[in-house]
Amino acid sequence: MLKWILTLVIAIFLLGILGPHLARFIRFGKLPGDMAFRFRGRTYAFPFASIIIFSLLLWLVSRII
């Protein structure tokens, strides 16, 4: 249990620090498979492909640790 909590804390910390910098290069939220639409002046985004990539990265980190 402690191993999972530690993994989660480390992953959130790293994503918080590296996320904005990586977003410029990888363009999370604008990958093929991510959907966005405008309705009444607001933009709604459904980043399906980005969520799958984040899930795989977190799974790999948890396997390594």
PDB file of N, CA and C in Angstrom:
ATOM      1  N   MET A   1       0.829  -1.197   0.000  1.00  0.00           N
ATOM      2  CA  MET A   1       0.000   0.000   0.000  1.00  0.00           C
ATOM      3  C   MET A   1       0.876   1.264   0.000  1.00  0.00           C
ATOM      4  N   LEU A   2       1.902   1.232   0.829  1.00  0.00           N
ATOM      5  CA  LEU A   2       2.794   2.386   0.906  1.00  0.00           C
ATOM      6  C   LEU A   2       3.524   2.606  -0.410  1.00  0.00           C
ATOM      7  N   LYS A   3       3.841   1.517  -1.105  1.00  0.00           N
ATOM      8  CA  LYS A   3       4.530   1.618  -2.390  1.00  0.00           C
ATOM      9  C   LYS A   3       3.660   2.339  -3.417  1.00  0.00           C
ATOM     10  N   TRP A   4       2.358   2.057  -3.443  1.00  0.00           N
ATOM     11  CA  TRP A   4       1.441   2.709  -4.381  1.00  0.00           C
ATOM     12  C   TRP A   4       1.269   4.186  -4.064  1.00  0.00           C
ATOM     13  N   ILE A   5       1.180   4.507  -2.789  1.00  0.00           N
ATOM     14  CA  ILE A   5       1.028   5.914  -2.396  1.00  0.00           C
ATOM     15  C   ILE A   5       2.284   6.695  -2.771  1.00  0.00           C
ATOM     16  N   LEU A   6       3.441   6.106  -2.522  1.00  0.00           N
ATOM     17  CA  LEU A   6       4.701   6.762  -2.878  1.00  0.00           C
ATOM     18  C   LEU A   6       4.802   6.948  -4.385  1.00  0.00           C
ATOM     19  N   THR A   7       4.411   5.943  -5.156  1.00  0.00           N
ATOM     20  CA  THR A   7       4.426   6.045  -6.615  1.00  0.00           C
ATOM     21  C   THR A   7       3.508   7.149  -7.092  1.00  0.00           C
ATOM     22  N   LEU A   8       2.324   7.220  -6.527  1.00  0.00           N
ATOM     23  CA  LEU A   8       1.360   8.247  -6.907  1.00  0.00           C
ATOM     24  C   LEU A   8       1.875   9.648  -6.575  1.00  0.00           C
ATOM     25  N   VAL A   9       2.443   9.816  -5.412  1.00  0.00           N
ATOM     26  CA  VAL A   9       2.969  11.129  -5.013  1.00  0.00           C
ATOM     27  C   VAL A   9       4.113  11.552  -5.931  1.00  0.00           C
ATOM     28  N   ILE A  10       5.013  10.635  -6.229  1.00  0.00           N
ATOM     29  CA  ILE A  10       6.140  10.958  -7.110  1.00  0.00           C
ATOM     30  C   ILE A  10       5.649  11.288  -8.516  1.00  0.00           C
ATOM     31  N   ALA A  11       4.689  10.516  -9.024  1.00  0.00           N
ATOM     32  CA  ALA A  11       4.168  10.760 -10.373  1.00  0.00           C
ATOM     33  C   ALA A  11       3.468  12.111 -10.452  1.00  0.00           C
ATOM     34  N   ILE A  12       2.659  12.447  -9.467  1.00  0.00           N
ATOM     35  CA  ILE A  12       1.976  13.742  -9.465  1.00  0.00           C
ATOM     36  C   ILE A  12       2.983  14.880  -9.368  1.00  0.00           C
ATOM     37  N   PHE A  13       3.988  14.713  -8.539  1.00  0.00           N
ATOM     38  CA  PHE A  13       5.022  15.727  -8.398  1.00  0.00           C
ATOM     39  C   PHE A  13       5.750  15.953  -9.723  1.00  0.00           C
ATOM     40  N   LEU A  14       6.169  14.861 -10.370  1.00  0.00           N
ATOM     41  CA  LEU A  14       6.897  14.995 -11.632  1.00  0.00           C
ATOM     42  C   LEU A  14       6.019  15.561 -12.737  1.00  0.00           C
ATOM     43  N   LEU A  15       4.766  15.135 -12.807  1.00  0.00           N
ATOM     44  CA  LEU A  15       3.871  15.686 -13.823  1.00  0.00           C
ATOM     45  C   LEU A  15       3.584  17.166 -13.579  1.00  0.00           C
ATOM     46  N   GLY A  16       3.519  17.552 -12.331  1.00  0.00           N
ATOM     47  CA  GLY A  16       3.295  18.960 -12.014  1.00  0.00           C
ATOM     48  C   GLY A  16       4.455  19.841 -12.426  1.00  0.00           C
ATOM     49  N   ILE A  17       5.653  19.318 -12.285  1.00  0.00           N
ATOM     50  CA  ILE A  17       6.838  20.092 -12.653  1.00  0.00           C
ATOM     51  C   ILE A  17       7.099  20.025 -14.159  1.00  0.00           C
ATOM     52  N   LEU A  18       7.039  18.829 -14.715  1.00  0.00           N
ATOM     53  CA  LEU A  18       7.411  18.637 -16.117  1.00  0.00           C
ATOM     54  C   LEU A  18       6.263  18.864 -17.093  1.00  0.00           C
ATOM     55  N   GLY A  19       5.040  18.806 -16.633  1.00  0.00           N
ATOM     56  CA  GLY A  19       3.880  18.910 -17.513  1.00  0.00           C
ATOM     57  C   GLY A  19       3.846  20.144 -18.393  1.00  0.00           C
ATOM     58  N   PRO A  20       3.967  21.337 -17.829  1.00  0.00           N
ATOM     59  CA  PRO A  20       3.920  22.534 -18.674  1.00  0.00           C
ATOM     60  C   PRO A  20       5.047  22.604 -19.704  1.00  0.00           C
ATOM     61  N   HIS A  21       6.218  22.103 -19.344  1.00  0.00           N
ATOM     62  CA  HIS A  21       7.346  22.132 -20.277  1.00  0.00           C
ATOM     63  C   HIS A  21       7.173  21.105 -21.389  1.00  0.00           C
ATOM     64  N   LEU A  22       6.671  19.927 -21.033  1.00  0.00           N
ATOM     65  CA  LEU A  22       6.446  18.892 -22.034  1.00  0.00           C
ATOM     66  C   LEU A  22       5.267  19.218 -22.940  1.00  0.00           C
ATOM     67  N   ALA A  23       4.324  19.978 -22.441  1.00  0.00           N
ATOM     68  CA  ALA A  23       3.131  20.300 -23.232  1.00  0.00           C
ATOM     69  C   ALA A  23       3.484  21.119 -24.470  1.00  0.00           C
ATOM     70  N   ARG A  24       4.537  21.904 -24.385  1.00  0.00           N
ATOM     71  CA  ARG A  24       4.951  22.689 -25.545  1.00  0.00           C
ATOM     72  C   ARG A  24       5.491  21.803 -26.665  1.00  0.00           C
ATOM     73  N   PHE A  25       6.179  20.726 -26.287  1.00  0.00           N
ATOM     74  CA  PHE A  25       6.816  19.873 -27.282  1.00  0.00           C
ATOM     75  C   PHE A  25       5.920  18.728 -27.742  1.00  0.00           C
ATOM     76  N   ILE A  26       5.200  18.116 -26.830  1.00  0.00           N
ATOM     77  CA  ILE A  26       4.396  16.942 -27.156  1.00  0.00           C
ATOM     78  C   ILE A  26       2.970  17.335 -27.528  1.00  0.00           C
ATOM     79  N   ARG A  27       2.518  18.484 -27.083  1.00  0.00           N
ATOM     80  CA  ARG A  27       1.186  19.002 -27.382  1.00  0.00           C
ATOM     81  C   ARG A  27       0.089  18.083 -26.845  1.00  0.00           C
ATOM     82  N   PHE A  28       0.146  17.768 -25.546  1.00  0.00           N
ATOM     83  CA  PHE A  28      -0.904  16.974 -24.924  1.00  0.00           C
ATOM     84  C   PHE A  28      -2.234  17.676 -25.096  1.00  0.00           C
ATOM     85  N   GLY A  29      -3.257  16.937 -25.388  1.00  0.00           N
ATOM     86  CA  GLY A  29      -4.580  17.500 -25.613  1.00  0.00           C
ATOM     87  C   GLY A  29      -4.842  17.820 -27.061  1.00  0.00           C
ATOM     88  N   LYS A  30      -3.822  17.738 -27.896  1.00  0.00           N
ATOM     89  CA  LYS A  30      -3.978  18.006 -29.322  1.00  0.00           C
ATOM     90  C   LYS A  30      -3.465  16.832 -30.155  1.00  0.00           C
ATOM     91  N   LEU A  31      -3.425  15.667 -29.537  1.00  0.00           N
ATOM     92  CA  LEU A  31      -2.991  14.474 -30.249  1.00  0.00           C
ATOM     93  C   LEU A  31      -4.141  13.920 -31.078  1.00  0.00           C
ATOM     94  N   PRO A  32      -3.835  13.103 -32.086  1.00  0.00           N
ATOM     95  CA  PRO A  32      -4.924  12.443 -32.814  1.00  0.00           C
ATOM     96  C   PRO A  32      -5.712  11.554 -31.853  1.00  0.00           C
ATOM     97  N   GLY A  33      -6.993  11.695 -31.848  1.00  0.00           N
ATOM     98  CA  GLY A  33      -7.831  10.952 -30.915  1.00  0.00           C
ATOM     99  C   GLY A  33      -8.374  11.839 -29.807  1.00  0.00           C
ATOM    100  N   ASP A  34      -7.832  13.035 -29.644  1.00  0.00           N
ATOM    101  CA  ASP A  34      -8.358  14.008 -28.687  1.00  0.00           C
ATOM    102  C   ASP A  34      -9.429  14.839 -29.379  1.00  0.00           C
ATOM    103  N   MET A  35     -10.524  15.038 -28.697  1.00  0.00           N
ATOM    104  CA  MET A  35     -11.628  15.785 -29.297  1.00  0.00           C
ATOM    105  C   MET A  35     -11.871  17.067 -28.506  1.00  0.00           C
ATOM    106  N   ALA A  36     -12.190  18.130 -29.224  1.00  0.00           N
ATOM    107  CA  ALA A  36     -12.550  19.402 -28.598  1.00  0.00           C
ATOM    108  C   ALA A  36     -13.646  20.043 -29.443  1.00  0.00           C
ATOM    109  N   PHE A  37     -14.607  20.659 -28.765  1.00  0.00           N
ATOM    110  CA  PHE A  37     -15.661  21.363 -29.492  1.00  0.00           C
ATOM    111  C   PHE A  37     -16.112  22.577 -28.705  1.00  0.00           C
ATOM    112  N   ARG A  38     -16.709  23.528 -29.418  1.00  0.00           N
ATOM    113  CA  ARG A  38     -17.200  24.761 -28.800  1.00  0.00           C
ATOM    114  C   ARG A  38     -18.714  24.700 -28.716  1.00  0.00           C
ATOM    115  N   PHE A  39     -19.236  25.113 -27.569  1.00  0.00           N
ATOM    116  CA  PHE A  39     -20.671  25.160 -27.362  1.00  0.00           C
ATOM    117  C   PHE A  39     -20.981  26.378 -26.513  1.00  0.00           C
ATOM    118  N   ARG A  40     -21.740  27.295 -27.095  1.00  0.00           N
ATOM    119  CA  ARG A  40     -22.126  28.538 -26.418  1.00  0.00           C
ATOM    120  C   ARG A  40     -20.922  29.316 -25.892  1.00  0.00           C
ATOM    121  N   GLY A  41     -19.901  29.424 -26.713  1.00  0.00           N
ATOM    122  CA  GLY A  41     -18.744  30.244 -26.361  1.00  0.00           C
ATOM    123  C   GLY A  41     -17.726  29.576 -25.461  1.00  0.00           C
ATOM    124  N   ARG A  42     -17.945  28.336 -25.061  1.00  0.00           N
ATOM    125  CA  ARG A  42     -16.992  27.626 -24.217  1.00  0.00           C
ATOM    126  C   ARG A  42     -16.400  26.461 -24.997  1.00  0.00           C
ATOM    127  N   THR A  43     -15.166  26.146 -24.706  1.00  0.00           N
ATOM    128  CA  THR A  43     -14.499  25.030 -25.362  1.00  0.00           C
ATOM    129  C   THR A  43     -14.451  23.849 -24.403  1.00  0.00           C
ATOM    130  N   TYR A  44     -14.919  22.705 -24.871  1.00  0.00           N
ATOM    131  CA  TYR A  44     -14.908  21.478 -24.089  1.00  0.00           C
ATOM    132  C   TYR A  44     -13.944  20.506 -24.757  1.00  0.00           C
ATOM    133  N   ALA A  45     -13.050  19.938 -23.960  1.00  0.00           N
ATOM    134  CA  ALA A  45     -12.043  19.034 -24.503  1.00  0.00           C
ATOM    135  C   ALA A  45     -12.194  17.654 -23.878  1.00  0.00           C
ATOM    136  N   PHE A  46     -12.046  16.651 -24.714  1.00  0.00           N
ATOM    137  CA  PHE A  46     -12.049  15.263 -24.278  1.00  0.00           C
ATOM    138  C   PHE A  46     -10.761  14.613 -24.801  1.00  0.00           C
ATOM    139  N   PRO A  47      -9.688  14.662 -23.999  1.00  0.00           N
ATOM    140  CA  PRO A  47      -8.377  14.183 -24.475  1.00  0.00           C
ATOM    141  C   PRO A  47      -8.207  12.671 -24.291  1.00  0.00           C
ATOM    142  N   PHE A  48      -8.901  11.891 -25.096  1.00  0.00           N
ATOM    143  CA  PHE A  48      -8.862  10.438 -24.955  1.00  0.00           C
ATOM    144  C   PHE A  48      -7.460   9.879 -25.180  1.00  0.00           C
ATOM    145  N   ALA A  49      -6.785  10.277 -26.241  1.00  0.00           N
ATOM    146  CA  ALA A  49      -5.449   9.755 -26.542  1.00  0.00           C
ATOM    147  C   ALA A  49      -4.440  10.187 -25.479  1.00  0.00           C
ATOM    148  N   SER A  50      -4.536  11.417 -25.008  1.00  0.00           N
ATOM    149  CA  SER A  50      -3.610  11.896 -23.976  1.00  0.00           C
ATOM    150  C   SER A  50      -3.790  11.125 -22.673  1.00  0.00           C
ATOM    151  N   ILE A  51      -5.024  10.799 -22.328  1.00  0.00           N
ATOM    152  CA  ILE A  51      -5.285  10.041 -21.102  1.00  0.00           C
ATOM    153  C   ILE A  51      -4.687   8.646 -21.203  1.00  0.00           C
ATOM    154  N   ILE A  52      -4.797   8.031 -22.372  1.00  0.00           N
ATOM    155  CA  ILE A  52      -4.219   6.698 -22.554  1.00  0.00           C
ATOM    156  C   ILE A  52      -2.698   6.752 -22.420  1.00  0.00           C
ATOM    157  N   ILE A  53      -2.079   7.762 -23.004  1.00  0.00           N
ATOM    158  CA  ILE A  53      -0.621   7.900 -22.907  1.00  0.00           C
ATOM    159  C   ILE A  53      -0.196   8.148 -21.465  1.00  0.00           C
ATOM    160  N   PHE A  54      -0.896   9.035 -20.745  1.00  0.00           N
ATOM    161  CA  PHE A  54      -0.580   9.274 -19.334  1.00  0.00           C
ATOM    162  C   PHE A  54      -0.750   8.003 -18.512  1.00  0.00           C
ATOM    163  N   SER A  55      -1.787   7.236 -18.788  1.00  0.00           N
ATOM    164  CA  SER A  55      -2.017   5.990 -18.055  1.00  0.00           C
ATOM    165  C   SER A  55      -0.879   5.001 -18.291  1.00  0.00           C
ATOM    166  N   LEU A  56      -0.447   4.892 -19.529  1.00  0.00           N
ATOM    167  CA  LEU A  56       0.664   3.990 -19.831  1.00  0.00           C
ATOM    168  C   LEU A  56       1.960   4.443 -19.166  1.00  0.00           C
ATOM    169  N   LEU A  57       2.202   5.736 -19.156  1.00  0.00           N
ATOM    170  CA  LEU A  57       3.410   6.251 -18.497  1.00  0.00           C
ATOM    171  C   LEU A  57       3.382   5.989 -16.997  1.00  0.00           C
ATOM    172  N   LEU A  58       2.231   6.222 -16.371  1.00  0.00           N
ATOM    173  CA  LEU A  58       2.124   5.963 -14.938  1.00  0.00           C
ATOM    174  C   LEU A  58       2.253   4.472 -14.644  1.00  0.00           C
ATOM    175  N   TRP A  59       1.722   3.628 -15.519  1.00  0.00           N
ATOM    176  CA  TRP A  59       1.853   2.190 -15.331  1.00  0.00           C
ATOM    177  C   TRP A  59       3.319   1.769 -15.421  1.00  0.00           C
ATOM    178  N   LEU A  60       4.050   2.341 -16.384  1.00  0.00           N
ATOM    179  CA  LEU A  60       5.464   2.024 -16.514  1.00  0.00           C
ATOM    180  C   LEU A  60       6.258   2.487 -15.301  1.00  0.00           C
ATOM    181  N   VAL A  61       5.955   3.667 -14.804  1.00  0.00           N
ATOM    182  CA  VAL A  61       6.638   4.177 -13.605  1.00  0.00           C
ATOM    183  C   VAL A  61       6.356   3.273 -12.426  1.00  0.00           C
ATOM    184  N   SER A  62       5.124   2.837 -12.275  1.00  0.00           N
ATOM    185  CA  SER A  62       4.773   1.965 -11.148  1.00  0.00           C
ATOM    186  C   SER A  62       5.449   0.599 -11.278  1.00  0.00           C
ATOM    187  N   ARG A  63       5.669   0.119 -12.500  1.00  0.00           N
ATOM    188  CA  ARG A  63       6.348  -1.161 -12.711  1.00  0.00           C
ATOM    189  C   ARG A  63       7.833  -1.036 -12.388  1.00  0.00           C
ATOM    190  N   ILE A  64       8.414   0.120 -12.676  1.00  0.00           N
ATOM    191  CA  ILE A  64       9.845   0.324 -12.423  1.00  0.00           C
ATOM    192  C   ILE A  64      10.119   0.447 -10.937  1.00  0.00           C
ATOM    193  N   ILE A  65       9.237   1.139 -10.248  1.00  0.00           N
ATOM    194  CA  ILE A  65       9.450   1.367  -8.806  1.00  0.00           C
ATOM    195  C   ILE A  65       9.074   0.185  -8.024  1.00  0.00           C
TER     196      ILE A  65
END
